[in-house]
N, C-alpha and C. Protein backbone atom coordinates (compact mmCIF):
# COMPACT_ATOMS: atom_id res chain seq x y z
N UNK A 1 93.48 97.29 93.02
CA UNK A 1 93.97 96.91 94.79
C UNK A 1 92.47 96.23 95.30
N UNK A 2 92.92 94.95 96.17
CA UNK A 2 91.95 94.38 96.79
C UNK A 2 92.24 94.16 97.86
N UNK A 3 91.29 94.20 99.16
CA UNK A 3 91.71 93.72 100.59
C UNK A 3 90.82 92.90 101.04
N UNK A 4 91.80 91.75 101.78
CA UNK A 4 91.70 90.60 102.20
C UNK A 4 91.09 90.93 103.63
N UNK A 5 89.97 90.60 104.20
CA UNK A 5 89.59 90.76 105.47
C UNK A 5 89.32 89.68 106.30
N UNK A 6 89.74 89.69 107.64
CA UNK A 6 89.48 88.66 108.33
C UNK A 6 89.15 89.01 109.69
N UNK A 7 88.24 88.19 110.45
CA UNK A 7 87.68 88.52 111.76
C UNK A 7 88.29 87.48 112.47
N UNK A 8 88.87 87.92 113.85
CA UNK A 8 89.26 86.82 114.79
C UNK A 8 89.02 87.31 116.30
N UNK A 9 88.51 86.28 117.19
CA UNK A 9 88.39 86.09 118.50
C UNK A 9 89.65 85.84 119.10
N UNK A 10 90.33 86.41 120.00
CA UNK A 10 91.86 86.15 120.33
C UNK A 10 91.76 86.01 122.00
N UNK A 11 92.24 84.89 122.26
CA UNK A 11 92.47 84.52 123.84
C UNK A 11 93.11 85.69 124.37
N UNK A 12 92.23 85.97 125.57
CA UNK A 12 92.49 87.56 126.16
C UNK A 12 94.05 87.60 127.05
N UNK A 13 94.71 86.53 127.06
CA UNK A 13 96.09 86.61 127.64
C UNK A 13 96.84 86.78 126.32
N UNK A 14 96.50 86.55 125.03
CA UNK A 14 97.58 86.60 124.01
C UNK A 14 97.23 87.81 123.09
N UNK A 15 96.45 88.95 123.69
CA UNK A 15 95.94 89.77 122.85
C UNK A 15 97.30 90.58 122.30
N UNK A 16 98.13 90.81 123.28
CA UNK A 16 99.49 91.50 122.95
C UNK A 16 100.55 90.50 121.92
N UNK A 17 100.62 89.67 122.13
CA UNK A 17 101.38 88.68 121.12
C UNK A 17 100.56 88.69 119.88
N UNK A 18 99.30 88.57 119.88
CA UNK A 18 98.61 88.80 118.29
C UNK A 18 98.61 89.94 117.51
N UNK A 19 98.95 91.14 118.65
CA UNK A 19 98.89 92.37 117.79
C UNK A 19 100.35 92.52 117.50
N UNK A 20 101.25 92.04 118.04
CA UNK A 20 102.76 91.94 117.70
C UNK A 20 103.02 91.17 116.59
N UNK A 21 102.29 90.40 116.46
CA UNK A 21 102.66 89.14 115.35
C UNK A 21 101.97 89.91 113.91
N UNK A 22 100.79 90.42 114.16
CA UNK A 22 100.01 91.04 112.97
C UNK A 22 100.44 92.21 112.58
N UNK A 23 101.01 92.85 113.43
CA UNK A 23 101.11 94.18 113.01
C UNK A 23 102.41 94.38 112.44
N UNK A 24 102.80 96.01 112.26
CA UNK A 24 103.57 96.30 111.34
C UNK A 24 105.23 95.87 111.81
N UNK A 25 105.92 94.90 111.26
CA UNK A 25 106.91 94.59 111.63
C UNK A 25 107.08 93.08 112.44
N UNK A 26 105.65 92.32 112.59
CA UNK A 26 105.55 91.12 113.02
C UNK A 26 105.69 90.01 111.89
N UNK A 27 105.65 88.97 112.56
CA UNK A 27 105.81 87.76 111.80
C UNK A 27 104.90 87.60 110.64
N UNK A 28 103.74 87.85 110.70
CA UNK A 28 102.60 87.81 109.65
C UNK A 28 103.14 88.80 108.60
N UNK A 29 103.26 90.08 108.70
CA UNK A 29 103.78 90.91 107.56
C UNK A 29 105.32 90.73 107.12
N UNK A 30 105.84 90.22 108.04
CA UNK A 30 106.80 89.94 107.50
C UNK A 30 107.18 88.90 106.89
N UNK A 31 106.28 88.02 106.75
CA UNK A 31 105.98 86.86 105.92
C UNK A 31 105.74 87.25 104.34
N UNK A 32 104.90 88.39 104.27
CA UNK A 32 104.62 88.69 103.17
C UNK A 32 105.20 90.18 102.46
N UNK A 33 105.94 90.86 103.35
CA UNK A 33 106.39 91.95 103.11
C UNK A 33 107.20 91.63 101.72
N UNK A 34 108.04 90.97 101.59
CA UNK A 34 109.06 90.39 100.71
C UNK A 34 108.40 89.88 99.21
N UNK A 35 106.88 90.02 99.26
CA UNK A 35 106.29 89.09 98.24
C UNK A 35 105.53 90.36 97.02
N UNK A 36 105.76 90.28 96.17
CA UNK A 36 105.04 90.87 94.95
C UNK A 36 103.46 91.13 95.18
N UNK A 37 103.42 92.46 95.40
CA UNK A 37 101.87 92.48 95.13
C UNK A 37 101.34 92.86 96.76
N UNK A 38 102.25 92.58 97.93
CA UNK A 38 101.55 92.90 99.05
C UNK A 38 101.94 94.31 99.20
N UNK A 39 100.96 95.11 99.66
CA UNK A 39 101.19 96.42 99.99
C UNK A 39 100.89 96.88 101.51
N UNK A 40 100.34 95.91 102.19
CA UNK A 40 100.36 96.54 103.88
C UNK A 40 99.14 95.67 104.86
N UNK A 41 99.31 95.76 105.75
CA UNK A 41 98.19 95.00 106.54
C UNK A 41 97.84 96.04 108.00
N UNK A 42 96.32 96.17 107.92
CA UNK A 42 95.92 97.02 109.36
C UNK A 42 95.33 95.94 110.25
N UNK A 43 95.92 96.31 111.50
CA UNK A 43 94.79 95.61 112.46
C UNK A 43 93.70 96.47 113.26
N UNK A 44 92.76 96.13 113.35
CA UNK A 44 91.86 96.89 114.55
C UNK A 44 91.07 96.03 115.35
N UNK A 45 91.06 96.82 116.33
CA UNK A 45 90.43 95.89 117.68
C UNK A 45 89.53 96.45 117.71
N UNK A 46 88.21 95.87 118.27
CA UNK A 46 86.86 96.13 118.73
C UNK A 46 86.96 96.95 120.19
N UNK A 47 86.61 98.05 120.16
CA UNK A 47 86.53 98.69 121.31
C UNK A 47 85.73 98.38 122.23
N UNK A 48 84.66 97.62 122.11
CA UNK A 48 83.77 97.03 123.23
C UNK A 48 84.32 95.87 123.42
N UNK A 49 84.51 94.69 122.54
CA UNK A 49 85.15 93.57 122.82
C UNK A 49 86.67 93.30 122.60
N UNK A 50 87.37 93.64 123.63
CA UNK A 50 89.11 93.61 123.40
C UNK A 50 89.82 92.48 122.82
N UNK A 51 88.76 91.31 122.76
CA UNK A 51 89.65 90.26 121.93
C UNK A 51 89.04 89.90 120.74
N UNK A 52 88.27 90.69 120.09
CA UNK A 52 87.56 90.71 118.59
C UNK A 52 88.71 91.64 117.78
N UNK A 53 89.02 91.31 116.73
CA UNK A 53 90.03 92.09 115.97
C UNK A 53 89.57 91.94 114.23
N UNK A 54 90.01 92.87 113.86
CA UNK A 54 89.84 92.59 111.97
C UNK A 54 91.05 92.56 111.33
N UNK A 55 91.32 91.88 110.66
CA UNK A 55 92.63 92.31 110.01
C UNK A 55 92.50 92.87 108.62
N UNK A 56 93.11 93.57 107.76
CA UNK A 56 92.83 93.74 106.43
C UNK A 56 94.32 93.89 105.75
N UNK A 57 94.52 92.85 105.06
CA UNK A 57 95.59 92.97 104.02
C UNK A 57 95.44 93.55 102.75
N UNK A 58 96.28 94.10 102.30
CA UNK A 58 96.19 95.17 101.12
C UNK A 58 96.95 94.52 100.03
N UNK A 59 96.53 93.89 99.01
CA UNK A 59 97.18 93.20 97.78
C UNK A 59 96.71 93.90 96.51
N UNK A 60 97.82 94.10 95.82
CA UNK A 60 97.16 94.57 94.45
C UNK A 60 96.27 93.79 93.57
N UNK A 61 96.62 92.29 93.54
CA UNK A 61 95.49 91.62 93.17
C UNK A 61 95.47 90.29 93.91
N UNK A 62 94.21 89.49 93.63
CA UNK A 62 93.85 88.35 94.66
C UNK A 62 94.90 87.26 94.11
N UNK A 63 95.11 87.25 92.67
CA UNK A 63 95.84 86.23 92.05
C UNK A 63 97.64 86.02 92.90
N UNK A 64 98.00 87.26 92.99
CA UNK A 64 99.25 87.65 93.68
C UNK A 64 99.29 87.07 95.15
N UNK A 65 98.28 87.31 95.68
CA UNK A 65 98.21 86.40 97.13
C UNK A 65 98.23 85.08 97.04
N UNK A 66 97.10 84.76 96.19
CA UNK A 66 97.26 83.06 96.20
C UNK A 66 98.68 82.62 95.69
N UNK A 67 99.46 82.92 94.74
CA UNK A 67 100.60 82.94 94.10
C UNK A 67 101.76 82.82 95.62
N UNK A 68 101.69 83.61 96.20
CA UNK A 68 102.53 83.81 97.41
C UNK A 68 102.08 82.70 98.35
N UNK A 69 100.99 82.32 98.68
CA UNK A 69 100.45 81.46 99.66
C UNK A 69 101.01 80.16 99.08
N UNK A 70 101.11 79.76 97.83
CA UNK A 70 101.39 78.50 97.22
C UNK A 70 103.09 78.63 97.18
N UNK A 71 103.76 79.54 96.98
CA UNK A 71 104.95 79.53 96.85
C UNK A 71 105.67 79.33 98.27
N UNK A 72 105.06 80.08 99.32
CA UNK A 72 105.68 79.78 100.45
C UNK A 72 104.68 79.08 101.58
N UNK A 73 104.19 77.90 100.96
CA UNK A 73 103.26 76.95 101.51
C UNK A 73 103.62 76.51 103.01
N UNK A 74 105.01 75.93 102.95
CA UNK A 74 105.47 75.71 104.27
C UNK A 74 105.82 76.69 105.43
N UNK A 75 106.43 77.70 104.92
CA UNK A 75 106.50 78.87 106.11
C UNK A 75 105.33 79.24 106.44
N UNK A 76 104.16 79.54 105.50
CA UNK A 76 102.63 79.81 105.87
C UNK A 76 102.16 78.53 106.89
N UNK A 77 102.01 77.61 106.45
CA UNK A 77 101.60 76.74 107.20
C UNK A 77 102.23 76.68 108.75
N UNK A 78 103.43 76.86 108.77
CA UNK A 78 104.11 76.91 110.06
C UNK A 78 103.79 77.76 110.84
N UNK A 79 103.26 79.17 110.41
CA UNK A 79 103.27 80.48 111.07
C UNK A 79 101.53 80.34 111.47
N UNK A 80 100.92 79.73 110.54
CA UNK A 80 99.33 79.65 110.85
C UNK A 80 99.57 78.50 112.05
N UNK A 81 100.15 77.57 112.21
CA UNK A 81 99.94 76.49 113.41
C UNK A 81 100.87 77.40 114.42
N UNK A 82 101.62 78.04 114.81
CA UNK A 82 102.07 79.04 115.74
C UNK A 82 100.77 79.92 116.16
N UNK A 83 100.65 80.60 115.55
CA UNK A 83 99.46 81.66 115.61
C UNK A 83 98.07 81.13 116.51
N UNK A 84 97.71 80.07 115.59
CA UNK A 84 96.42 79.00 116.07
C UNK A 84 96.26 79.00 117.32
N UNK A 85 97.32 78.96 118.04
CA UNK A 85 97.23 78.82 119.81
C UNK A 85 96.66 79.92 120.31
N UNK A 86 96.89 81.21 120.05
CA UNK A 86 96.50 82.32 120.32
C UNK A 86 94.97 82.52 120.04
N UNK A 87 94.25 81.83 118.83
CA UNK A 87 93.03 82.23 118.38
C UNK A 87 92.02 81.38 118.85
N UNK A 88 90.78 82.27 119.25
CA UNK A 88 89.64 81.30 119.34
C UNK A 88 89.12 80.81 118.34
N UNK A 89 88.91 81.90 117.18
CA UNK A 89 88.12 81.80 115.94
C UNK A 89 88.77 82.77 115.18
N UNK A 90 88.69 82.13 113.96
CA UNK A 90 89.04 82.76 112.84
C UNK A 90 88.48 82.90 111.38
N UNK A 91 87.68 83.92 110.95
CA UNK A 91 86.68 83.82 109.81
C UNK A 91 86.94 84.76 109.04
N UNK A 92 87.06 84.06 107.29
CA UNK A 92 87.52 84.72 106.24
C UNK A 92 85.93 86.01 106.20
N UNK A 93 86.28 86.95 106.15
CA UNK A 93 85.15 88.14 106.02
C UNK A 93 84.89 88.14 104.48
N UNK A 94 86.08 88.49 103.86
CA UNK A 94 85.84 88.11 102.38
C UNK A 94 87.00 89.16 101.66
N UNK A 95 86.89 88.89 100.25
CA UNK A 95 87.78 89.94 99.31
C UNK A 95 87.37 91.03 98.85
N UNK A 96 87.88 92.10 98.99
CA UNK A 96 86.90 93.17 98.93
C UNK A 96 87.82 94.32 97.89
N UNK A 97 87.06 95.12 97.24
CA UNK A 97 87.84 96.05 96.26
C UNK A 97 86.81 97.19 96.36
N UNK A 98 87.75 98.54 96.54
CA UNK A 98 87.54 99.83 96.85
C UNK A 98 86.82 100.15 95.47
N UNK A 99 85.29 100.56 95.55
CA UNK A 99 84.44 101.28 94.73
C UNK A 99 84.65 102.90 94.58
N UNK A 100 84.69 103.17 96.14
CA UNK A 100 84.54 104.75 96.46
C UNK A 100 85.24 105.16 97.34
N UNK A 101 85.65 106.17 97.35
CA UNK A 101 86.42 106.97 98.78
C UNK A 101 86.09 108.12 98.91
N UNK A 102 85.79 108.58 100.37
CA UNK A 102 85.36 109.98 100.57
C UNK A 102 86.25 110.69 101.75
N UNK A 103 86.43 111.84 101.53
CA UNK A 103 87.30 112.36 102.76
C UNK A 103 86.10 113.48 103.33
N UNK A 104 86.08 113.38 104.57
CA UNK A 104 85.38 114.08 105.52
C UNK A 104 85.94 115.63 105.99
N UNK A 105 85.45 116.53 105.88
CA UNK A 105 86.32 117.57 106.52
C UNK A 105 85.48 117.92 107.73
N UNK A 106 86.21 118.35 109.01
CA UNK A 106 85.49 118.77 110.11
C UNK A 106 84.61 119.93 109.81
N UNK A 107 83.65 120.10 110.50
CA UNK A 107 82.66 121.06 110.14
C UNK A 107 83.31 122.39 111.10
N UNK A 108 82.78 123.64 110.55
CA UNK A 108 82.85 124.68 111.60
C UNK A 108 84.38 125.26 111.76
N UNK A 109 85.47 124.88 110.85
CA UNK A 109 86.64 125.45 110.69
C UNK A 109 86.75 126.34 109.53
N UNK A 110 87.49 127.40 109.95
CA UNK A 110 87.52 128.34 109.20
C UNK A 110 88.84 127.98 108.38
N UNK A 111 88.71 128.34 106.88
CA UNK A 111 89.65 128.43 105.92
C UNK A 111 90.79 129.20 106.34
N UNK A 112 91.86 128.48 106.18
CA UNK A 112 93.30 129.42 106.62
C UNK A 112 93.76 130.10 105.28
N UNK A 113 93.86 131.26 105.16
CA UNK A 113 94.36 132.27 103.98
C UNK A 113 95.97 132.32 104.22
N UNK A 114 96.70 131.95 103.36
CA UNK A 114 97.87 132.67 103.49
C UNK A 114 97.96 134.11 103.26
N UNK A 115 98.94 134.36 103.76
CA UNK A 115 99.49 136.17 103.74
C UNK A 115 100.70 135.92 103.29
N UNK A 116 100.99 136.50 102.10
CA UNK A 116 102.44 136.97 101.95
C UNK A 116 102.78 138.41 102.21
N UNK A 117 104.04 138.65 102.29
CA UNK A 117 104.52 139.94 102.70
C UNK A 117 105.76 140.12 101.54
N UNK A 118 106.14 141.03 100.95
CA UNK A 118 106.95 141.36 100.19
C UNK A 118 107.94 142.11 100.85
N UNK A 119 109.16 141.98 100.30
CA UNK A 119 110.31 142.75 101.00
C UNK A 119 110.74 143.55 100.06
């Protein structure tokens, strides 16, 4: 699996439109939903600069993503042009692969024990 990460600065008046277009069921994810290898998209908004976003596209392989862009070139270009009106800047952060994951459990929580009663 790979994660394609993009950074955006969006015009203040178009933040809602951007979130709808790139979020679940939006135009961007709908373009890829039917494509082999696409596993989803995450949209993150900066909590201090509300016009700044990251999108993380999850793909099985980078080659699959590239093939989808070639096969859907006209639709992709049309969508890019429409969405460009809302965006002040767009930067490709990069293509990343997960190397390690960790789960953090809250401290101070007692373990729950299951009690079974027999009847």
